[in-house]
Amino acid sequence: MQPVEIYTSPLCGFCHAAKRLLSQKGVNFSEIDVARQPERRAEMTQRAKGGRTVPQIFIGDTHVGGCDELFALERAGKLDALLAA
């Protein structure tokens, strides 16, 4: 399974929804809380090609985007393949 990283903040409902979906699928992920580690926000923005909102989700080397994009992959039946690649 590909490594999954998700940049989050504690009060973000979209972050909680994305983490819940990943957890329901049995996916282990690394969480980077940009509220507690504000120095990591610049790293997130650079990796996300300018994306400033949370969550920003990475599966392996692929930048998925945010919660909406993660759920779109799931609805399209493409998330499992990306995770397994």
PDB file of N, CA and C in Angstrom:
ATOM      1  N   MET A   1       0.841  -1.186   0.000  1.00  0.00           N
ATOM      2  CA  MET A   1       0.000   0.000   0.000  1.00  0.00           C
ATOM      3  C   MET A   1       0.885   1.248   0.000  1.00  0.00           C
ATOM      4  N   GLN A   2       0.453   2.222  -0.756  1.00  0.00           N
ATOM      5  CA  GLN A   2       1.176   3.491  -0.855  1.00  0.00           C
ATOM      6  C   GLN A   2       1.136   4.234   0.488  1.00  0.00           C
ATOM      7  N   PRO A   3       2.211   4.971   0.816  1.00  0.00           N
ATOM      8  CA  PRO A   3       2.148   5.814   2.007  1.00  0.00           C
ATOM      9  C   PRO A   3       1.192   6.987   1.762  1.00  0.00           C
ATOM     10  N   VAL A   4       0.439   7.337   2.797  1.00  0.00           N
ATOM     11  CA  VAL A   4      -0.533   8.420   2.698  1.00  0.00           C
ATOM     12  C   VAL A   4      -0.179   9.482   3.728  1.00  0.00           C
ATOM     13  N   GLU A   5      -0.123  10.733   3.277  1.00  0.00           N
ATOM     14  CA  GLU A   5       0.112  11.874   4.157  1.00  0.00           C
ATOM     15  C   GLU A   5      -1.035  12.853   3.995  1.00  0.00           C
ATOM     16  N   ILE A   6      -1.479  13.401   5.112  1.00  0.00           N
ATOM     17  CA  ILE A   6      -2.567  14.356   5.063  1.00  0.00           C
ATOM     18  C   ILE A   6      -2.240  15.535   5.980  1.00  0.00           C
ATOM     19  N   TYR A   7      -2.260  16.720   5.393  1.00  0.00           N
ATOM     20  CA  TYR A   7      -2.062  17.955   6.146  1.00  0.00           C
ATOM     21  C   TYR A   7      -3.425  18.401   6.653  1.00  0.00           C
ATOM     22  N   THR A   8      -3.520  18.675   7.952  1.00  0.00           N
ATOM     23  CA  THR A   8      -4.805  18.967   8.571  1.00  0.00           C
ATOM     24  C   THR A   8      -4.694  20.123   9.560  1.00  0.00           C
ATOM     25  N   SER A   9      -5.852  20.494  10.094  1.00  0.00           N
ATOM     26  CA  SER A   9      -5.931  21.335  11.289  1.00  0.00           C
ATOM     27  C   SER A   9      -7.076  20.787  12.133  1.00  0.00           C
ATOM     28  N   PRO A  10      -7.033  20.980  13.453  1.00  0.00           N
ATOM     29  CA  PRO A  10      -7.976  20.296  14.342  1.00  0.00           C
ATOM     30  C   PRO A  10      -9.444  20.690  14.176  1.00  0.00           C
ATOM     31  N   LEU A  11      -9.744  21.888  13.749  1.00  0.00           N
ATOM     32  CA  LEU A  11     -11.130  22.343  13.668  1.00  0.00           C
ATOM     33  C   LEU A  11     -11.735  22.199  12.279  1.00  0.00           C
ATOM     34  N   CYS A  12     -11.043  21.519  11.399  1.00  0.00           N
ATOM     35  CA  CYS A  12     -11.469  21.395  10.000  1.00  0.00           C
ATOM     36  C   CYS A  12     -12.370  20.171   9.814  1.00  0.00           C
ATOM     37  N   GLY A  13     -13.641  20.407   9.524  1.00  0.00           N
ATOM     38  CA  GLY A  13     -14.578  19.315   9.297  1.00  0.00           C
ATOM     39  C   GLY A  13     -14.219  18.468   8.093  1.00  0.00           C
ATOM     40  N   PHE A  14     -13.689  19.103   7.046  1.00  0.00           N
ATOM     41  CA  PHE A  14     -13.276  18.355   5.855  1.00  0.00           C
ATOM     42  C   PHE A  14     -12.103  17.431   6.168  1.00  0.00           C
ATOM     43  N   CYS A  15     -11.213  17.894   7.044  1.00  0.00           N
ATOM     44  CA  CYS A  15     -10.081  17.055   7.468  1.00  0.00           C
ATOM     45  C   CYS A  15     -10.591  15.816   8.189  1.00  0.00           C
ATOM     46  N   HIS A  16     -11.555  16.012   9.103  1.00  0.00           N
ATOM     47  CA  HIS A  16     -12.122  14.881   9.843  1.00  0.00           C
ATOM     48  C   HIS A  16     -12.817  13.902   8.904  1.00  0.00           C
ATOM     49  N   ALA A  17     -13.539  14.418   7.904  1.00  0.00           N
ATOM     50  CA  ALA A  17     -14.233  13.549   6.947  1.00  0.00           C
ATOM     51  C   ALA A  17     -13.234  12.735   6.134  1.00  0.00           C
ATOM     52  N   ALA A  18     -12.165  13.368   5.680  1.00  0.00           N
ATOM     53  CA  ALA A  18     -11.145  12.670   4.887  1.00  0.00           C
ATOM     54  C   ALA A  18     -10.465  11.592   5.727  1.00  0.00           C
ATOM     55  N   LYS A  19     -10.113  11.918   6.953  1.00  0.00           N
ATOM     56  CA  LYS A  19      -9.467  10.943   7.837  1.00  0.00           C
ATOM     57  C   LYS A  19     -10.416   9.789   8.152  1.00  0.00           C
ATOM     58  N   ARG A  20     -11.690  10.097   8.314  1.00  0.00           N
ATOM     59  CA  ARG A  20     -12.682   9.052   8.596  1.00  0.00           C
ATOM     60  C   ARG A  20     -12.782   8.074   7.421  1.00  0.00           C
ATOM     61  N   LEU A  21     -12.831   8.609   6.185  1.00  0.00           N
ATOM     62  CA  LEU A  21     -12.892   7.737   5.007  1.00  0.00           C
ATOM     63  C   LEU A  21     -11.663   6.844   4.931  1.00  0.00           C
ATOM     64  N   LEU A  22     -10.493   7.426   5.107  1.00  0.00           N
ATOM     65  CA  LEU A  22      -9.260   6.635   5.051  1.00  0.00           C
ATOM     66  C   LEU A  22      -9.249   5.569   6.139  1.00  0.00           C
ATOM     67  N   SER A  23      -9.665   5.935   7.343  1.00  0.00           N
ATOM     68  CA  SER A  23      -9.698   4.973   8.448  1.00  0.00           C
ATOM     69  C   SER A  23     -10.683   3.850   8.175  1.00  0.00           C
ATOM     70  N   GLN A  24     -11.849   4.176   7.626  1.00  0.00           N
ATOM     71  CA  GLN A  24     -12.845   3.154   7.302  1.00  0.00           C
ATOM     72  C   GLN A  24     -12.320   2.162   6.274  1.00  0.00           C
ATOM     73  N   LYS A  25     -11.418   2.634   5.428  1.00  0.00           N
ATOM     74  CA  LYS A  25     -10.830   1.761   4.409  1.00  0.00           C
ATOM     75  C   LYS A  25      -9.611   1.006   4.953  1.00  0.00           C
ATOM     76  N   GLY A  26      -9.274   1.237   6.220  1.00  0.00           N
ATOM     77  CA  GLY A  26      -8.138   0.550   6.829  1.00  0.00           C
ATOM     78  C   GLY A  26      -6.796   1.116   6.421  1.00  0.00           C
ATOM     79  N   VAL A  27      -6.781   2.366   5.984  1.00  0.00           N
ATOM     80  CA  VAL A  27      -5.557   2.999   5.508  1.00  0.00           C
ATOM     81  C   VAL A  27      -4.834   3.674   6.679  1.00  0.00           C
ATOM     82  N   ASN A  28      -3.564   3.334   6.848  1.00  0.00           N
ATOM     83  CA  ASN A  28      -2.728   4.049   7.802  1.00  0.00           C
ATOM     84  C   ASN A  28      -2.219   5.300   7.115  1.00  0.00           C
ATOM     85  N   PHE A  29      -2.226   6.410   7.818  1.00  0.00           N
ATOM     86  CA  PHE A  29      -1.762   7.654   7.228  1.00  0.00           C
ATOM     87  C   PHE A  29      -0.978   8.467   8.239  1.00  0.00           C
ATOM     88  N   SER A  30      -0.087   9.296   7.719  1.00  0.00           N
ATOM     89  CA  SER A  30       0.658  10.252   8.534  1.00  0.00           C
ATOM     90  C   SER A  30      -0.088  11.567   8.495  1.00  0.00           C
ATOM     91  N   GLU A  31      -0.337  12.130   9.664  1.00  0.00           N
ATOM     92  CA  GLU A  31      -1.054  13.394   9.753  1.00  0.00           C
ATOM     93  C   GLU A  31      -0.095  14.495  10.167  1.00  0.00           C
ATOM     94  N   ILE A  32      -0.119  15.580   9.427  1.00  0.00           N
ATOM     95  CA  ILE A  32       0.687  16.756   9.743  1.00  0.00           C
ATOM     96  C   ILE A  32      -0.280  17.872  10.095  1.00  0.00           C
ATOM     97  N   ASP A  33      -0.314  18.239  11.363  1.00  0.00           N
ATOM     98  CA  ASP A  33      -1.224  19.267  11.869  1.00  0.00           C
ATOM     99  C   ASP A  33      -0.548  20.628  11.694  1.00  0.00           C
ATOM    100  N   VAL A  34      -1.014  21.398  10.715  1.00  0.00           N
ATOM    101  CA  VAL A  34      -0.375  22.687  10.424  1.00  0.00           C
ATOM    102  C   VAL A  34      -0.741  23.761  11.450  1.00  0.00           C
ATOM    103  N   ALA A  35      -1.725  23.501  12.297  1.00  0.00           N
ATOM    104  CA  ALA A  35      -2.028  24.434  13.383  1.00  0.00           C
ATOM    105  C   ALA A  35      -0.990  24.288  14.495  1.00  0.00           C
ATOM    106  N   ARG A  36      -0.608  23.063  14.770  1.00  0.00           N
ATOM    107  CA  ARG A  36       0.399  22.808  15.811  1.00  0.00           C
ATOM    108  C   ARG A  36       1.826  22.939  15.281  1.00  0.00           C
ATOM    109  N   GLN A  37       1.981  22.779  13.989  1.00  0.00           N
ATOM    110  CA  GLN A  37       3.294  22.892  13.350  1.00  0.00           C
ATOM    111  C   GLN A  37       3.194  23.899  12.209  1.00  0.00           C
ATOM    112  N   PRO A  38       3.021  25.185  12.518  1.00  0.00           N
ATOM    113  CA  PRO A  38       2.797  26.176  11.460  1.00  0.00           C
ATOM    114  C   PRO A  38       3.947  26.275  10.454  1.00  0.00           C
ATOM    115  N   GLU A  39       5.128  25.885  10.854  1.00  0.00           N
ATOM    116  CA  GLU A  39       6.259  25.913   9.924  1.00  0.00           C
ATOM    117  C   GLU A  39       6.082  24.916   8.785  1.00  0.00           C
ATOM    118  N   ARG A  40       5.208  23.949   8.938  1.00  0.00           N
ATOM    119  CA  ARG A  40       4.966  22.948   7.899  1.00  0.00           C
ATOM    120  C   ARG A  40       3.972  23.432   6.840  1.00  0.00           C
ATOM    121  N   ARG A  41       3.273  24.560   7.100  1.00  0.00           N
ATOM    122  CA  ARG A  41       2.291  25.081   6.139  1.00  0.00           C
ATOM    123  C   ARG A  41       2.963  25.455   4.813  1.00  0.00           C
ATOM    124  N   ALA A  42       4.145  26.068   4.870  1.00  0.00           N
ATOM    125  CA  ALA A  42       4.857  26.432   3.638  1.00  0.00           C
ATOM    126  C   ALA A  42       5.230  25.180   2.848  1.00  0.00           C
ATOM    127  N   GLU A  43       5.641  24.140   3.546  1.00  0.00           N
ATOM    128  CA  GLU A  43       5.956  22.856   2.910  1.00  0.00           C
ATOM    129  C   GLU A  43       4.710  22.309   2.207  1.00  0.00           C
ATOM    130  N   MET A  44       3.568  22.357   2.899  1.00  0.00           N
ATOM    131  CA  MET A  44       2.312  21.878   2.333  1.00  0.00           C
ATOM    132  C   MET A  44       1.965  22.648   1.064  1.00  0.00           C
ATOM    133  N   THR A  45       2.052  23.967   1.135  1.00  0.00           N
ATOM    134  CA  THR A  45       1.699  24.809  -0.010  1.00  0.00           C
ATOM    135  C   THR A  45       2.596  24.514  -1.203  1.00  0.00           C
ATOM    136  N   GLN A  46       3.869  24.311  -0.955  1.00  0.00           N
ATOM    137  CA  GLN A  46       4.802  23.996  -2.038  1.00  0.00           C
ATOM    138  C   GLN A  46       4.487  22.632  -2.636  1.00  0.00           C
ATOM    139  N   ARG A  47       4.293  21.632  -1.797  1.00  0.00           N
ATOM    140  CA  ARG A  47       3.995  20.286  -2.300  1.00  0.00           C
ATOM    141  C   ARG A  47       2.667  20.246  -3.046  1.00  0.00           C
ATOM    142  N   ALA A  48       1.704  21.062  -2.593  1.00  0.00           N
ATOM    143  CA  ALA A  48       0.367  21.070  -3.180  1.00  0.00           C
ATOM    144  C   ALA A  48       0.262  22.054  -4.336  1.00  0.00           C
ATOM    145  N   LYS A  49       1.409  22.512  -4.833  1.00  0.00           N
ATOM    146  CA  LYS A  49       1.444  23.434  -5.986  1.00  0.00           C
ATOM    147  C   LYS A  49       0.555  24.658  -5.751  1.00  0.00           C
ATOM    148  N   GLY A  50       0.668  25.239  -4.549  1.00  0.00           N
ATOM    149  CA  GLY A  50      -0.065  26.458  -4.224  1.00  0.00           C
ATOM    150  C   GLY A  50      -1.308  26.242  -3.386  1.00  0.00           C
ATOM    151  N   GLY A  51      -1.691  25.005  -3.137  1.00  0.00           N
ATOM    152  CA  GLY A  51      -2.868  24.733  -2.313  1.00  0.00           C
ATOM    153  C   GLY A  51      -2.643  25.195  -0.883  1.00  0.00           C
ATOM    154  N   ARG A  52      -3.523  26.051  -0.391  1.00  0.00           N
ATOM    155  CA  ARG A  52      -3.345  26.632   0.940  1.00  0.00           C
ATOM    156  C   ARG A  52      -4.347  26.129   1.961  1.00  0.00           C
ATOM    157  N   THR A  53      -5.393  25.465   1.501  1.00  0.00           N
ATOM    158  CA  THR A  53      -6.425  25.006   2.427  1.00  0.00           C
ATOM    159  C   THR A  53      -6.136  23.580   2.874  1.00  0.00           C
ATOM    160  N   VAL A  54      -6.685  23.216   4.011  1.00  0.00           N
ATOM    161  CA  VAL A  54      -6.573  21.846   4.495  1.00  0.00           C
ATOM    162  C   VAL A  54      -7.915  21.170   4.331  1.00  0.00           C
ATOM    163  N   PRO A  55      -7.918  19.870   4.125  1.00  0.00           N
ATOM    164  CA  PRO A  55      -6.761  19.002   4.042  1.00  0.00           C
ATOM    165  C   PRO A  55      -6.088  19.059   2.672  1.00  0.00           C
ATOM    166  N   GLN A  56      -4.828  18.723   2.660  1.00  0.00           N
ATOM    167  CA  GLN A  56      -4.098  18.440   1.428  1.00  0.00           C
ATOM    168  C   GLN A  56      -3.623  16.996   1.586  1.00  0.00           C
ATOM    169  N   ILE A  57      -3.983  16.166   0.637  1.00  0.00           N
ATOM    170  CA  ILE A  57      -3.780  14.726   0.758  1.00  0.00           C
ATOM    171  C   ILE A  57      -2.827  14.247  -0.331  1.00  0.00           C
ATOM    172  N   PHE A  58      -1.866  13.424   0.094  1.00  0.00           N
ATOM    173  CA  PHE A  58      -0.880  12.842  -0.817  1.00  0.00           C
ATOM    174  C   PHE A  58      -0.899  11.334  -0.644  1.00  0.00           C
ATOM    175  N   ILE A  59      -1.013  10.637  -1.759  1.00  0.00           N
ATOM    176  CA  ILE A  59      -0.932   9.174  -1.766  1.00  0.00           C
ATOM    177  C   ILE A  59       0.287   8.827  -2.605  1.00  0.00           C
ATOM    178  N   GLY A  60       1.311   8.317  -1.937  1.00  0.00           N
ATOM    179  CA  GLY A  60       2.588   8.116  -2.611  1.00  0.00           C
ATOM    180  C   GLY A  60       3.081   9.461  -3.111  1.00  0.00           C
ATOM    181  N   ASP A  61       3.440   9.533  -4.381  1.00  0.00           N
ATOM    182  CA  ASP A  61       3.907  10.788  -4.986  1.00  0.00           C
ATOM    183  C   ASP A  61       2.767  11.596  -5.595  1.00  0.00           C
ATOM    184  N   THR A  62       1.545  11.099  -5.484  1.00  0.00           N
ATOM    185  CA  THR A  62       0.397  11.751  -6.122  1.00  0.00           C
ATOM    186  C   THR A  62      -0.279  12.722  -5.162  1.00  0.00           C
ATOM    187  N   HIS A  63      -0.421  13.966  -5.609  1.00  0.00           N
ATOM    188  CA  HIS A  63      -1.193  14.948  -4.843  1.00  0.00           C
ATOM    189  C   HIS A  63      -2.661  14.759  -5.216  1.00  0.00           C
ATOM    190  N   VAL A  64      -3.441  14.252  -4.277  1.00  0.00           N
ATOM    191  CA  VAL A  64      -4.857  14.000  -4.519  1.00  0.00           C
ATOM    192  C   VAL A  64      -5.624  15.313  -4.520  1.00  0.00           C
ATOM    193  N   GLY A  65      -5.282  16.194  -3.606  1.00  0.00           N
ATOM    194  CA  GLY A  65      -6.011  17.446  -3.414  1.00  0.00           C
ATOM    195  C   GLY A  65      -6.629  17.435  -2.040  1.00  0.00           C
ATOM    196  N   GLY A  66      -7.874  17.859  -1.953  1.00  0.00           N
ATOM    197  CA  GLY A  66      -8.555  17.955  -0.678  1.00  0.00           C
ATOM    198  C   GLY A  66      -9.589  16.862  -0.486  1.00  0.00           C
ATOM    199  N   CYS A  67     -10.484  17.107   0.451  1.00  0.00           N
ATOM    200  CA  CYS A  67     -11.522  16.137   0.805  1.00  0.00           C
ATOM    201  C   CYS A  67     -12.438  15.831  -0.377  1.00  0.00           C
ATOM    202  N   ASP A  68     -12.862  16.859  -1.100  1.00  0.00           N
ATOM    203  CA  ASP A  68     -13.768  16.637  -2.238  1.00  0.00           C
ATOM    204  C   ASP A  68     -13.132  15.726  -3.277  1.00  0.00           C
ATOM    205  N   GLU A  69     -11.854  15.944  -3.561  1.00  0.00           N
ATOM    206  CA  GLU A  69     -11.167  15.119  -4.555  1.00  0.00           C
ATOM    207  C   GLU A  69     -11.001  13.683  -4.063  1.00  0.00           C
ATOM    208  N   LEU A  70     -10.732  13.511  -2.757  1.00  0.00           N
ATOM    209  CA  LEU A  70     -10.608  12.167  -2.191  1.00  0.00           C
ATOM    210  C   LEU A  70     -11.921  11.406  -2.329  1.00  0.00           C
ATOM    211  N   PHE A  71     -13.032  12.058  -1.981  1.00  0.00           N
ATOM    212  CA  PHE A  71     -14.333  11.402  -2.090  1.00  0.00           C
ATOM    213  C   PHE A  71     -14.720  11.155  -3.550  1.00  0.00           C
ATOM    214  N   ALA A  72     -14.309  12.035  -4.457  1.00  0.00           N
ATOM    215  CA  ALA A  72     -14.577  11.834  -5.880  1.00  0.00           C
ATOM    216  C   ALA A  72     -13.850  10.588  -6.383  1.00  0.00           C
ATOM    217  N   LEU A  73     -12.609  10.397  -5.944  1.00  0.00           N
ATOM    218  CA  LEU A  73     -11.877   9.184  -6.315  1.00  0.00           C
ATOM    219  C   LEU A  73     -12.593   7.946  -5.792  1.00  0.00           C
ATOM    220  N   GLU A  74     -13.088   8.017  -4.571  1.00  0.00           N
ATOM    221  CA  GLU A  74     -13.807   6.880  -3.984  1.00  0.00           C
ATOM    222  C   GLU A  74     -15.078   6.585  -4.777  1.00  0.00           C
ATOM    223  N   ARG A  75     -15.860   7.621  -5.089  1.00  0.00           N
ATOM    224  CA  ARG A  75     -17.108   7.424  -5.851  1.00  0.00           C
ATOM    225  C   ARG A  75     -16.839   6.850  -7.241  1.00  0.00           C
ATOM    226  N   ALA A  76     -15.711   7.256  -7.840  1.00  0.00           N
ATOM    227  CA  ALA A  76     -15.371   6.780  -9.179  1.00  0.00           C
ATOM    228  C   ALA A  76     -14.734   5.379  -9.153  1.00  0.00           C
ATOM    229  N   GLY A  77     -14.509   4.836  -7.957  1.00  0.00           N
ATOM    230  CA  GLY A  77     -13.909   3.515  -7.851  1.00  0.00           C
ATOM    231  C   GLY A  77     -12.415   3.503  -8.122  1.00  0.00           C
ATOM    232  N   LYS A  78     -11.772   4.670  -8.016  1.00  0.00           N
ATOM    233  CA  LYS A  78     -10.345   4.777  -8.336  1.00  0.00           C
ATOM    234  C   LYS A  78      -9.433   4.872  -7.112  1.00  0.00           C
ATOM    235  N   LEU A  79     -10.020   5.083  -5.936  1.00  0.00           N
ATOM    236  CA  LEU A  79      -9.197   5.278  -4.737  1.00  0.00           C
ATOM    237  C   LEU A  79      -8.430   4.016  -4.360  1.00  0.00           C
ATOM    238  N   ASP A  80      -9.079   2.876  -4.381  1.00  0.00           N
ATOM    239  CA  ASP A  80      -8.407   1.631  -3.984  1.00  0.00           C
ATOM    240  C   ASP A  80      -7.210   1.330  -4.879  1.00  0.00           C
ATOM    241  N   ALA A  81      -7.359   1.565  -6.177  1.00  0.00           N
ATOM    242  CA  ALA A  81      -6.252   1.311  -7.105  1.00  0.00           C
ATOM    243  C   ALA A  81      -5.083   2.253  -6.832  1.00  0.00           C
ATOM    244  N   LEU A  82      -5.388   3.513  -6.534  1.00  0.00           N
ATOM    245  CA  LEU A  82      -4.331   4.480  -6.232  1.00  0.00           C
ATOM    246  C   LEU A  82      -3.608   4.101  -4.942  1.00  0.00           C
ATOM    247  N   LEU A  83      -4.359   3.662  -3.958  1.00  0.00           N
ATOM    248  CA  LEU A  83      -3.758   3.246  -2.695  1.00  0.00           C
ATOM    249  C   LEU A  83      -2.868   2.016  -2.880  1.00  0.00           C
ATOM    250  N   ALA A  84      -3.276   1.109  -3.752  1.00  0.00           N
ATOM    251  CA  ALA A  84      -2.560  -0.160  -3.940  1.00  0.00           C
ATOM    252  C   ALA A  84      -1.375  -0.037  -4.894  1.00  0.00           C
ATOM    253  N   ALA A  85      -1.364   0.998  -5.724  1.00  0.00           N
ATOM    254  CA  ALA A  85      -0.340   1.129  -6.782  1.00  0.00           C
ATOM    255  C   ALA A  85       1.071   1.040  -6.251  1.00  0.00           C
TER     256      ALA A  85
END
